[in-house]
Each structure stands twice: as structure tokens, then as C-alpha cells.
Amino acid sequence: QSKDASELFDGKGGCYIESGRETASVIEVDMFSQPKPSTSISAQTSENLSSKREFEKERLSKWL
């Protein structure tokens, strides 16, 4: 199946991880970085937890 170039996966992704005590971290991955895939994790903050909750609300409202 042919896909428009704008629809191709660029190898980048991420997710939130709740880390307790009302905080969360963000993990970001770049599978196509060179010379090897890269991963980073942010600090545990209450702001990340707020962003995670907003992200969840947005996705659930679109999916359901």
C-alpha cells in the first residue's frame, strides 16, 4: 500500500509514566537516530502529570 510521505512513521515517539507522589516523567524515543536509537527520560514533575492527564482526556474524548 502506497502512503503519502507525510503519513510515514518518522521513528519518534513517547509516553508519560506516572512515578508516584503526584508526579510523572516523559520518555521520548527516536528509533532512527544515528549511530543508534536514542531514548531520554525527563525529570519527575507535577507538571508532567498534569500534561499526562490532559493528554488522556483529549484522547478519550476523541476515541469514545
PDB file of N, CA and C in Angstrom:
ATOM      1  N   GLN A   1       0.848  -1.165   0.000  1.00  0.00           N
ATOM      2  CA  GLN A   1       0.000   0.000   0.000  1.00  0.00           C
ATOM      3  C   GLN A   1       0.894   1.228   0.000  1.00  0.00           C
ATOM      4  N   SER A   2       0.612   2.150  -0.889  1.00  0.00           N
ATOM      5  CA  SER A   2       1.391   3.385  -1.001  1.00  0.00           C
ATOM      6  C   SER A   2       0.877   4.408  -0.001  1.00  0.00           C
ATOM      7  N   LYS A   3       1.810   5.099   0.631  1.00  0.00           N
ATOM      8  CA  LYS A   3       1.427   6.119   1.610  1.00  0.00           C
ATOM      9  C   LYS A   3       2.046   7.445   1.233  1.00  0.00           C
ATOM     10  N   ASP A   4       1.328   8.503   1.511  1.00  0.00           N
ATOM     11  CA  ASP A   4       1.847   9.857   1.350  1.00  0.00           C
ATOM     12  C   ASP A   4       3.031  10.016   2.293  1.00  0.00           C
ATOM     13  N   ALA A   5       4.067  10.720   1.857  1.00  0.00           N
ATOM     14  CA  ALA A   5       5.274  10.893   2.684  1.00  0.00           C
ATOM     15  C   ALA A   5       4.953  11.504   4.041  1.00  0.00           C
ATOM     16  N   SER A   6       3.924  12.343   4.117  1.00  0.00           N
ATOM     17  CA  SER A   6       3.576  12.973   5.392  1.00  0.00           C
ATOM     18  C   SER A   6       2.985  11.974   6.383  1.00  0.00           C
ATOM     19  N   GLU A   7       2.571  10.803   5.910  1.00  0.00           N
ATOM     20  CA  GLU A   7       1.980   9.790   6.777  1.00  0.00           C
ATOM     21  C   GLU A   7       2.987   8.751   7.257  1.00  0.00           C
ATOM     22  N   LEU A   8       4.212   8.785   6.747  1.00  0.00           N
ATOM     23  CA  LEU A   8       5.203   7.788   7.125  1.00  0.00           C
ATOM     24  C   LEU A   8       5.685   8.010   8.549  1.00  0.00           C
ATOM     25  N   PHE A   9       5.955   6.927   9.253  1.00  0.00           N
ATOM     26  CA  PHE A   9       6.447   6.986  10.626  1.00  0.00           C
ATOM     27  C   PHE A   9       7.864   7.532  10.634  1.00  0.00           C
ATOM     28  N   ASP A  10       8.102   8.572  11.421  1.00  0.00           N
ATOM     29  CA  ASP A  10       9.435   9.196  11.472  1.00  0.00           C
ATOM     30  C   ASP A  10      10.346   8.573  12.524  1.00  0.00           C
ATOM     31  N   GLY A  11       9.843   7.550  13.224  1.00  0.00           N
ATOM     32  CA  GLY A  11      10.670   6.863  14.208  1.00  0.00           C
ATOM     33  C   GLY A  11      10.641   7.474  15.593  1.00  0.00           C
ATOM     34  N   LYS A  12       9.906   8.573  15.753  1.00  0.00           N
ATOM     35  CA  LYS A  12       9.871   9.259  17.048  1.00  0.00           C
ATOM     36  C   LYS A  12       8.574   8.946  17.775  1.00  0.00           C
ATOM     37  N   GLY A  13       8.691   8.784  19.083  1.00  0.00           N
ATOM     38  CA  GLY A  13       7.522   8.509  19.896  1.00  0.00           C
ATOM     39  C   GLY A  13       7.822   8.785  21.354  1.00  0.00           C
ATOM     40  N   GLY A  14       6.792   8.731  22.151  1.00  0.00           N
ATOM     41  CA  GLY A  14       6.993   8.974  23.565  1.00  0.00           C
ATOM     42  C   GLY A  14       5.770   8.603  24.363  1.00  0.00           C
ATOM     43  N   CYS A  15       5.937   8.616  25.665  1.00  0.00           N
ATOM     44  CA  CYS A  15       4.815   8.344  26.546  1.00  0.00           C
ATOM     45  C   CYS A  15       5.091   8.921  27.926  1.00  0.00           C
ATOM     46  N   TYR A  16       4.012   9.079  28.650  1.00  0.00           N
ATOM     47  CA  TYR A  16       4.095   9.526  30.041  1.00  0.00           C
ATOM     48  C   TYR A  16       4.155   8.303  30.941  1.00  0.00           C
ATOM     49  N   ILE A  17       4.881   8.424  32.038  1.00  0.00           N
ATOM     50  CA  ILE A  17       4.930   7.364  33.039  1.00  0.00           C
ATOM     51  C   ILE A  17       4.705   7.990  34.408  1.00  0.00           C
ATOM     52  N   GLU A  18       3.611   7.587  35.058  1.00  0.00           N
ATOM     53  CA  GLU A  18       3.385   8.082  36.419  1.00  0.00           C
ATOM     54  C   GLU A  18       4.445   7.501  37.329  1.00  0.00           C
ATOM     55  N   SER A  19       5.006   8.358  38.174  1.00  0.00           N
ATOM     56  CA  SER A  19       6.120   7.923  39.017  1.00  0.00           C
ATOM     57  C   SER A  19       5.821   8.048  40.508  1.00  0.00           C
ATOM     58  N   GLY A  20       4.543   8.241  40.848  1.00  0.00           N
ATOM     59  CA  GLY A  20       4.160   8.312  42.253  1.00  0.00           C
ATOM     60  C   GLY A  20       4.292   9.713  42.821  1.00  0.00           C
ATOM     61  N   ARG A  21       3.722   9.897  43.974  1.00  0.00           N
ATOM     62  CA  ARG A  21       3.763  11.178  44.677  1.00  0.00           C
ATOM     63  C   ARG A  21       3.301  12.341  43.796  1.00  0.00           C
ATOM     64  N   GLU A  22       2.247  12.054  43.000  1.00  0.00           N
ATOM     65  CA  GLU A  22       1.640  13.065  42.130  1.00  0.00           C
ATOM     66  C   GLU A  22       2.621  13.643  41.118  1.00  0.00           C
ATOM     67  N   THR A  23       3.497  12.791  40.563  1.00  0.00           N
ATOM     68  CA  THR A  23       4.439  13.218  39.528  1.00  0.00           C
ATOM     69  C   THR A  23       4.430  12.221  38.371  1.00  0.00           C
ATOM     70  N   ALA A  24       4.993  12.654  37.258  1.00  0.00           N
ATOM     71  CA  ALA A  24       5.166  11.788  36.088  1.00  0.00           C
ATOM     72  C   ALA A  24       6.421  12.223  35.345  1.00  0.00           C
ATOM     73  N   SER A  25       6.941  11.300  34.544  1.00  0.00           N
ATOM     74  CA  SER A  25       8.074  11.575  33.661  1.00  0.00           C
ATOM     75  C   SER A  25       7.607  11.383  32.226  1.00  0.00           C
ATOM     76  N   VAL A  26       8.389  11.908  31.292  1.00  0.00           N
ATOM     77  CA  VAL A  26       8.117  11.718  29.872  1.00  0.00           C
ATOM     78  C   VAL A  26       9.306  10.983  29.267  1.00  0.00           C
ATOM     79  N   ILE A  27       9.019   9.885  28.584  1.00  0.00           N
ATOM     80  CA  ILE A  27      10.059   9.151  27.867  1.00  0.00           C
ATOM     81  C   ILE A  27       9.897   9.464  26.385  1.00  0.00           C
ATOM     82  N   GLU A  28      11.003   9.844  25.744  1.00  0.00           N
ATOM     83  CA  GLU A  28      10.998  10.106  24.307  1.00  0.00           C
ATOM     84  C   GLU A  28      12.012   9.187  23.635  1.00  0.00           C
ATOM     85  N   VAL A  29      11.617   8.633  22.487  1.00  0.00           N
ATOM     86  CA  VAL A  29      12.457   7.691  21.748  1.00  0.00           C
ATOM     87  C   VAL A  29      12.562   8.152  20.296  1.00  0.00           C
ATOM     88  N   ASP A  30      13.753   8.021  19.732  1.00  0.00           N
ATOM     89  CA  ASP A  30      13.967   8.253  18.302  1.00  0.00           C
ATOM     90  C   ASP A  30      14.621   6.994  17.742  1.00  0.00           C
ATOM     91  N   MET A  31      13.816   6.153  17.117  1.00  0.00           N
ATOM     92  CA  MET A  31      14.306   4.860  16.624  1.00  0.00           C
ATOM     93  C   MET A  31      15.263   4.985  15.449  1.00  0.00           C
ATOM     94  N   PHE A  32      15.223   6.114  14.737  1.00  0.00           N
ATOM     95  CA  PHE A  32      16.051   6.272  13.543  1.00  0.00           C
ATOM     96  C   PHE A  32      17.251   7.176  13.763  1.00  0.00           C
ATOM     97  N   SER A  33      17.510   7.602  14.984  1.00  0.00           N
ATOM     98  CA  SER A  33      18.682   8.454  15.216  1.00  0.00           C
ATOM     99  C   SER A  33      19.952   7.648  14.947  1.00  0.00           C
ATOM    100  N   GLN A  34      20.991   8.339  14.608  1.00  0.00           N
ATOM    101  CA  GLN A  34      22.269   7.692  14.277  1.00  0.00           C
ATOM    102  C   GLN A  34      23.340   8.114  15.268  1.00  0.00           C
ATOM    103  N   PRO A  35      24.216   7.274  15.675  1.00  0.00           N
ATOM    104  CA  PRO A  35      24.502   5.957  15.118  1.00  0.00           C
ATOM    105  C   PRO A  35      23.600   4.854  15.665  1.00  0.00           C
ATOM    106  N   LYS A  36      22.762   5.159  16.664  1.00  0.00           N
ATOM    107  CA  LYS A  36      21.859   4.144  17.198  1.00  0.00           C
ATOM    108  C   LYS A  36      20.621   4.834  17.754  1.00  0.00           C
ATOM    109  N   PRO A  37      19.545   4.091  17.982  1.00  0.00           N
ATOM    110  CA  PRO A  37      18.338   4.692  18.551  1.00  0.00           C
ATOM    111  C   PRO A  37      18.646   5.397  19.875  1.00  0.00           C
ATOM    112  N   SER A  38      17.902   6.475  20.134  1.00  0.00           N
ATOM    113  CA  SER A  38      18.128   7.224  21.372  1.00  0.00           C
ATOM    114  C   SER A  38      16.857   7.257  22.211  1.00  0.00           C
ATOM    115  N   THR A  39      17.061   7.352  23.505  1.00  0.00           N
ATOM    116  CA  THR A  39      15.974   7.430  24.470  1.00  0.00           C
ATOM    117  C   THR A  39      16.330   8.466  25.517  1.00  0.00           C
ATOM    118  N   SER A  40      15.345   9.260  25.915  1.00  0.00           N
ATOM    119  CA  SER A  40      15.568  10.202  27.010  1.00  0.00           C
ATOM    120  C   SER A  40      14.374  10.141  27.947  1.00  0.00           C
ATOM    121  N   ILE A  41      14.619  10.453  29.201  1.00  0.00           N
ATOM    122  CA  ILE A  41      13.550  10.499  30.196  1.00  0.00           C
ATOM    123  C   ILE A  41      13.682  11.806  30.961  1.00  0.00           C
ATOM    124  N   SER A  42      12.555  12.473  31.138  1.00  0.00           N
ATOM    125  CA  SER A  42      12.554  13.759  31.827  1.00  0.00           C
ATOM    126  C   SER A  42      12.526  13.566  33.342  1.00  0.00           C
ATOM    127  N   ALA A  43      12.660  14.657  34.024  1.00  0.00           N
ATOM    128  CA  ALA A  43      12.538  14.654  35.485  1.00  0.00           C
ATOM    129  C   ALA A  43      11.085  14.342  35.873  1.00  0.00           C
ATOM    130  N   GLN A  44      10.908  13.862  37.083  1.00  0.00           N
ATOM    131  CA  GLN A  44       9.579  13.601  37.624  1.00  0.00           C
ATOM    132  C   GLN A  44       9.024  14.924  38.136  1.00  0.00           C
ATOM    133  N   THR A  45       7.910  15.388  37.523  1.00  0.00           N
ATOM    134  CA  THR A  45       7.327  16.656  37.957  1.00  0.00           C
ATOM    135  C   THR A  45       5.805  16.563  38.011  1.00  0.00           C
ATOM    136  N   SER A  46       5.215  17.456  38.778  1.00  0.00           N
ATOM    137  CA  SER A  46       3.756  17.532  38.826  1.00  0.00           C
ATOM    138  C   SER A  46       3.214  18.097  37.510  1.00  0.00           C
ATOM    139  N   GLU A  47       4.002  18.936  36.827  1.00  0.00           N
ATOM    140  CA  GLU A  47       3.586  19.478  35.534  1.00  0.00           C
ATOM    141  C   GLU A  47       3.441  18.363  34.496  1.00  0.00           C
ATOM    142  N   ASN A  48       4.365  17.402  34.513  1.00  0.00           N
ATOM    143  CA  ASN A  48       4.256  16.270  33.591  1.00  0.00           C
ATOM    144  C   ASN A  48       3.004  15.453  33.882  1.00  0.00           C
ATOM    145  N   LEU A  49       2.654  15.315  35.145  1.00  0.00           N
ATOM    146  CA  LEU A  49       1.440  14.579  35.498  1.00  0.00           C
ATOM    147  C   LEU A  49       0.209  15.327  34.988  1.00  0.00           C
ATOM    148  N   SER A  50       0.200  16.635  35.122  1.00  0.00           N
ATOM    149  CA  SER A  50      -0.914  17.434  34.597  1.00  0.00           C
ATOM    150  C   SER A  50      -1.025  17.280  33.085  1.00  0.00           C
ATOM    151  N   SER A  51       0.109  17.315  32.399  1.00  0.00           N
ATOM    152  CA  SER A  51       0.113  17.138  30.941  1.00  0.00           C
ATOM    153  C   SER A  51      -0.391  15.753  30.561  1.00  0.00           C
ATOM    154  N   LYS A  52       0.008  14.741  31.320  1.00  0.00           N
ATOM    155  CA  LYS A  52      -0.446  13.367  31.072  1.00  0.00           C
ATOM    156  C   LYS A  52      -1.958  13.278  31.199  1.00  0.00           C
ATOM    157  N   ARG A  53      -2.508  13.863  32.225  1.00  0.00           N
ATOM    158  CA  ARG A  53      -3.954  13.808  32.450  1.00  0.00           C
ATOM    159  C   ARG A  53      -4.715  14.543  31.351  1.00  0.00           C
ATOM    160  N   GLU A  54      -4.191  15.677  30.897  1.00  0.00           N
ATOM    161  CA  GLU A  54      -4.824  16.407  29.798  1.00  0.00           C
ATOM    162  C   GLU A  54      -4.768  15.594  28.509  1.00  0.00           C
ATOM    163  N   PHE A  55      -3.629  14.962  28.257  1.00  0.00           N
ATOM    164  CA  PHE A  55      -3.467  14.107  27.081  1.00  0.00           C
ATOM    165  C   PHE A  55      -4.500  12.980  27.109  1.00  0.00           C
ATOM    166  N   GLU A  56      -4.672  12.345  28.267  1.00  0.00           N
ATOM    167  CA  GLU A  56      -5.648  11.260  28.408  1.00  0.00           C
ATOM    168  C   GLU A  56      -7.062  11.755  28.118  1.00  0.00           C
ATOM    169  N   LYS A  57      -7.424  12.897  28.689  1.00  0.00           N
ATOM    170  CA  LYS A  57      -8.770  13.443  28.474  1.00  0.00           C
ATOM    171  C   LYS A  57      -9.021  13.702  26.997  1.00  0.00           C
ATOM    172  N   GLU A  58      -8.035  14.300  26.333  1.00  0.00           N
ATOM    173  CA  GLU A  58      -8.170  14.615  24.911  1.00  0.00           C
ATOM    174  C   GLU A  58      -8.349  13.345  24.086  1.00  0.00           C
ATOM    175  N   ARG A  59      -7.529  12.349  24.332  1.00  0.00           N
ATOM    176  CA  ARG A  59      -7.614  11.107  23.565  1.00  0.00           C
ATOM    177  C   ARG A  59      -8.935  10.395  23.820  1.00  0.00           C
ATOM    178  N   LEU A  60      -9.334  10.300  25.071  1.00  0.00           N
ATOM    179  CA  LEU A  60     -10.583   9.604  25.383  1.00  0.00           C
ATOM    180  C   LEU A  60     -11.782  10.295  24.755  1.00  0.00           C
ATOM    181  N   SER A  61     -11.788  11.623  24.735  1.00  0.00           N
ATOM    182  CA  SER A  61     -12.919  12.334  24.136  1.00  0.00           C
ATOM    183  C   SER A  61     -12.975  12.108  22.627  1.00  0.00           C
ATOM    184  N   LYS A  62     -11.824  11.902  21.985  1.00  0.00           N
ATOM    185  CA  LYS A  62     -11.801  11.635  20.544  1.00  0.00           C
ATOM    186  C   LYS A  62     -12.167  10.190  20.229  1.00  0.00           C
ATOM    187  N   TRP A  63     -11.775   9.262  21.080  1.00  0.00           N
ATOM    188  CA  TRP A  63     -11.976   7.842  20.809  1.00  0.00           C
ATOM    189  C   TRP A  63     -13.360   7.340  21.194  1.00  0.00           C
ATOM    190  N   LEU A  64     -13.954   7.936  22.232  1.00  0.00           N
ATOM    191  CA  LEU A  64     -15.234   7.403  22.730  1.00  0.00           C
ATOM    192  C   LEU A  64     -16.416   8.247  22.316  1.00  0.00           C
TER     193      LEU A  64
END
